[in-house]
N, C-alpha and C. Protein backbone atom coordinates (compact mmCIF):
# COMPACT_ATOMS: atom_id res chain seq x y z
N MET A 1 0.85 -1.17 0.00
CA MET A 1 0.00 0.00 0.00
C MET A 1 0.90 1.24 0.00
N PRO A 2 0.78 2.06 -1.00
CA PRO A 2 1.61 3.27 -1.05
C PRO A 2 1.15 4.30 -0.02
N LEU A 3 2.10 5.06 0.46
CA LEU A 3 1.80 6.10 1.44
C LEU A 3 1.29 7.35 0.74
N LYS A 4 0.37 8.03 1.40
CA LYS A 4 -0.13 9.31 0.90
C LYS A 4 0.90 10.38 1.24
N PRO A 5 0.92 11.46 0.46
CA PRO A 5 1.90 12.53 0.72
C PRO A 5 1.86 13.06 2.16
N GLU A 6 0.67 13.19 2.74
CA GLU A 6 0.60 13.68 4.12
C GLU A 6 1.15 12.66 5.12
N GLN A 7 1.06 11.37 4.79
CA GLN A 7 1.65 10.35 5.66
C GLN A 7 3.18 10.41 5.59
N VAL A 8 3.70 10.60 4.39
CA VAL A 8 5.15 10.72 4.22
C VAL A 8 5.65 11.95 4.98
N SER A 9 4.93 13.05 4.86
CA SER A 9 5.31 14.27 5.56
C SER A 9 5.31 14.07 7.07
N LYS A 10 4.28 13.41 7.56
CA LYS A 10 4.19 13.15 9.01
C LYS A 10 5.35 12.27 9.47
N LEU A 11 5.67 11.24 8.72
CA LEU A 11 6.79 10.36 9.08
C LEU A 11 8.11 11.12 9.08
N LEU A 12 8.31 11.95 8.08
CA LEU A 12 9.55 12.74 8.02
C LEU A 12 9.66 13.70 9.19
N ASN A 13 8.55 14.31 9.57
CA ASN A 13 8.56 15.20 10.73
C ASN A 13 8.87 14.44 12.01
N MET A 14 8.32 13.23 12.14
CA MET A 14 8.58 12.42 13.33
C MET A 14 10.06 12.06 13.42
N VAL A 15 10.63 11.66 12.31
CA VAL A 15 12.05 11.26 12.29
C VAL A 15 12.95 12.45 12.57
N SER A 16 12.65 13.57 11.97
CA SER A 16 13.52 14.73 12.15
C SER A 16 13.43 15.34 13.54
N SER A 17 12.31 15.11 14.22
CA SER A 17 12.15 15.69 15.55
C SER A 17 12.40 14.69 16.67
N SER A 18 12.79 13.49 16.33
CA SER A 18 12.99 12.48 17.37
C SER A 18 14.26 12.78 18.16
N ASP A 19 14.19 12.50 19.45
CA ASP A 19 15.33 12.67 20.34
C ASP A 19 16.00 11.33 20.56
N THR A 20 17.23 11.38 20.98
CA THR A 20 17.95 10.16 21.30
C THR A 20 17.46 9.62 22.63
N ASP A 21 17.18 8.34 22.64
CA ASP A 21 16.70 7.67 23.85
C ASP A 21 17.91 7.31 24.70
N SER A 22 18.10 8.03 25.81
CA SER A 22 19.27 7.81 26.66
C SER A 22 18.97 6.92 27.85
N LEU A 23 17.75 6.38 27.90
CA LEU A 23 17.32 5.59 29.05
C LEU A 23 16.98 4.18 28.59
N ASP A 24 17.35 3.17 29.38
CA ASP A 24 16.93 1.81 29.04
C ASP A 24 15.61 1.51 29.75
N CYS A 25 15.04 0.34 29.49
CA CYS A 25 13.74 -0.01 30.05
C CYS A 25 13.76 -0.08 31.58
N ASP A 26 14.83 -0.59 32.15
CA ASP A 26 14.93 -0.65 33.62
C ASP A 26 14.93 0.75 34.22
N GLY A 27 15.67 1.65 33.61
CA GLY A 27 15.71 3.02 34.09
C GLY A 27 14.37 3.71 33.95
N CYS A 28 13.68 3.43 32.88
CA CYS A 28 12.34 3.99 32.68
C CYS A 28 11.39 3.46 33.75
N PHE A 29 11.44 2.16 33.97
CA PHE A 29 10.55 1.53 34.95
C PHE A 29 10.77 2.09 36.35
N ASP A 30 12.01 2.46 36.66
CA ASP A 30 12.32 3.03 37.97
C ASP A 30 11.58 4.34 38.23
N HIS A 31 11.22 5.06 37.17
CA HIS A 31 10.62 6.38 37.31
C HIS A 31 9.20 6.48 36.74
N ILE A 32 8.65 5.35 36.29
CA ILE A 32 7.37 5.40 35.58
C ILE A 32 6.22 5.82 36.49
N ALA A 33 6.23 5.41 37.75
CA ALA A 33 5.15 5.79 38.67
C ALA A 33 5.15 7.31 38.89
N GLU A 34 6.32 7.88 39.05
CA GLU A 34 6.43 9.33 39.22
C GLU A 34 5.94 10.05 37.95
N PHE A 35 6.28 9.49 36.80
CA PHE A 35 5.86 10.08 35.53
C PHE A 35 4.33 10.01 35.39
N VAL A 36 3.74 8.90 35.79
CA VAL A 36 2.28 8.75 35.74
C VAL A 36 1.61 9.77 36.67
N ASP A 37 2.15 9.95 37.87
CA ASP A 37 1.59 10.93 38.80
C ASP A 37 1.59 12.33 38.19
N ILE A 38 2.66 12.69 37.55
CA ILE A 38 2.76 14.00 36.91
C ILE A 38 1.75 14.11 35.77
N HIS A 39 1.63 13.03 35.02
CA HIS A 39 0.67 13.01 33.92
C HIS A 39 -0.76 13.15 34.44
N LEU A 40 -1.10 12.43 35.50
CA LEU A 40 -2.45 12.52 36.08
C LEU A 40 -2.75 13.91 36.64
N ALA A 41 -1.74 14.57 37.14
CA ALA A 41 -1.91 15.91 37.69
C ALA A 41 -1.86 16.99 36.61
N SER A 42 -1.68 16.57 35.35
CA SER A 42 -1.59 17.50 34.22
C SER A 42 -0.51 18.54 34.43
N GLN A 43 0.60 18.11 35.02
CA GLN A 43 1.73 19.00 35.24
C GLN A 43 2.72 18.88 34.08
N GLU A 44 3.53 19.89 33.94
CA GLU A 44 4.59 19.85 32.94
C GLU A 44 5.66 18.86 33.39
N VAL A 45 6.19 18.12 32.44
CA VAL A 45 7.23 17.13 32.75
C VAL A 45 8.52 17.87 33.11
N PRO A 46 9.04 17.64 34.32
CA PRO A 46 10.29 18.31 34.71
C PRO A 46 11.47 17.76 33.92
N ALA A 47 12.50 18.55 33.86
CA ALA A 47 13.70 18.16 33.12
C ALA A 47 14.25 16.81 33.57
N ALA A 48 14.12 16.52 34.85
CA ALA A 48 14.65 15.26 35.39
C ALA A 48 13.93 14.04 34.82
N LEU A 49 12.72 14.23 34.30
CA LEU A 49 11.95 13.10 33.76
C LEU A 49 11.80 13.15 32.24
N LYS A 50 12.50 14.06 31.59
CA LYS A 50 12.42 14.15 30.12
C LYS A 50 12.90 12.86 29.47
N ALA A 51 13.89 12.21 30.06
CA ALA A 51 14.40 10.95 29.48
C ALA A 51 13.32 9.87 29.51
N VAL A 52 12.49 9.87 30.55
CA VAL A 52 11.37 8.92 30.63
C VAL A 52 10.38 9.22 29.52
N GLU A 53 10.06 10.49 29.35
CA GLU A 53 9.12 10.90 28.30
C GLU A 53 9.61 10.46 26.92
N ILE A 54 10.88 10.68 26.65
CA ILE A 54 11.47 10.30 25.36
C ILE A 54 11.43 8.78 25.20
N HIS A 55 11.80 8.06 26.25
CA HIS A 55 11.81 6.60 26.17
C HIS A 55 10.40 6.06 25.89
N LEU A 56 9.39 6.62 26.54
CA LEU A 56 8.01 6.17 26.34
C LEU A 56 7.53 6.43 24.92
N GLN A 57 8.05 7.47 24.29
CA GLN A 57 7.68 7.77 22.90
C GLN A 57 8.28 6.75 21.93
N GLN A 58 9.35 6.09 22.35
CA GLN A 58 10.08 5.22 21.44
C GLN A 58 10.01 3.74 21.79
N CYS A 59 9.51 3.38 22.96
CA CYS A 59 9.50 1.98 23.41
C CYS A 59 8.07 1.50 23.61
N VAL A 60 7.63 0.61 22.77
CA VAL A 60 6.27 0.09 22.83
C VAL A 60 6.02 -0.66 24.14
N CYS A 61 6.98 -1.42 24.60
CA CYS A 61 6.81 -2.19 25.84
C CYS A 61 6.60 -1.27 27.05
N CYS A 62 7.44 -0.29 27.20
CA CYS A 62 7.32 0.62 28.34
C CYS A 62 6.08 1.49 28.21
N LYS A 63 5.73 1.87 26.99
CA LYS A 63 4.51 2.65 26.77
C LYS A 63 3.29 1.83 27.21
N GLY A 64 3.32 0.53 26.96
CA GLY A 64 2.24 -0.35 27.41
C GLY A 64 2.15 -0.41 28.92
N GLU A 65 3.29 -0.47 29.59
CA GLU A 65 3.31 -0.46 31.06
C GLU A 65 2.77 0.86 31.59
N PHE A 66 3.18 1.95 30.97
CA PHE A 66 2.72 3.28 31.36
C PHE A 66 1.19 3.36 31.22
N ASN A 67 0.67 2.93 30.07
CA ASN A 67 -0.77 2.98 29.84
C ASN A 67 -1.54 2.09 30.81
N ALA A 68 -1.00 0.93 31.12
CA ALA A 68 -1.68 0.03 32.06
C ALA A 68 -1.74 0.65 33.45
N LEU A 69 -0.64 1.23 33.90
CA LEU A 69 -0.62 1.88 35.21
C LEU A 69 -1.56 3.09 35.22
N LEU A 70 -1.52 3.86 34.18
CA LEU A 70 -2.39 5.03 34.06
C LEU A 70 -3.86 4.62 34.08
N ASP A 71 -4.21 3.60 33.31
CA ASP A 71 -5.60 3.12 33.28
C ASP A 71 -6.04 2.59 34.64
N GLY A 72 -5.15 1.87 35.31
CA GLY A 72 -5.47 1.33 36.63
C GLY A 72 -5.71 2.42 37.65
N LEU A 73 -4.87 3.44 37.65
CA LEU A 73 -5.04 4.55 38.60
C LEU A 73 -6.28 5.36 38.28
N ARG A 74 -6.58 5.54 37.01
CA ARG A 74 -7.81 6.25 36.64
C ARG A 74 -9.04 5.46 37.09
N ALA A 75 -8.99 4.15 36.97
CA ALA A 75 -10.10 3.31 37.40
C ALA A 75 -10.32 3.42 38.90
N LEU A 76 -9.24 3.53 39.66
CA LEU A 76 -9.35 3.67 41.12
C LEU A 76 -9.97 5.02 41.50
N GLU A 77 -9.78 6.02 40.66
CA GLU A 77 -10.32 7.34 40.94
C GLU A 77 -11.81 7.45 40.65
N GLN A 78 -12.34 6.50 39.85
CA GLN A 78 -13.75 6.55 39.47
C GLN A 78 -14.63 6.18 40.66
N PRO A 79 -15.70 6.97 40.89
CA PRO A 79 -16.62 6.61 41.97
C PRO A 79 -17.38 5.34 41.62
N GLU A 80 -17.68 4.58 42.62
CA GLU A 80 -18.38 3.30 42.40
C GLU A 80 -19.86 3.49 42.27
């Protein structure tokens, strides 16, 4: 299936704006709860957690863990 011009443009923008992932999965996991708390509070990501943010953008496995934790905490916040 050929890509549409807007899809090619989007892919090129993603590649050109990607940051280097300086964190491994273990390092990400060490800080993921703190990152979720910040996300739930709608706060800006502090510089100390930017590496986690970058890693989550590039790692499907850690992004899945992040989403699972986020979904679980949101479910706990829902009134019964």
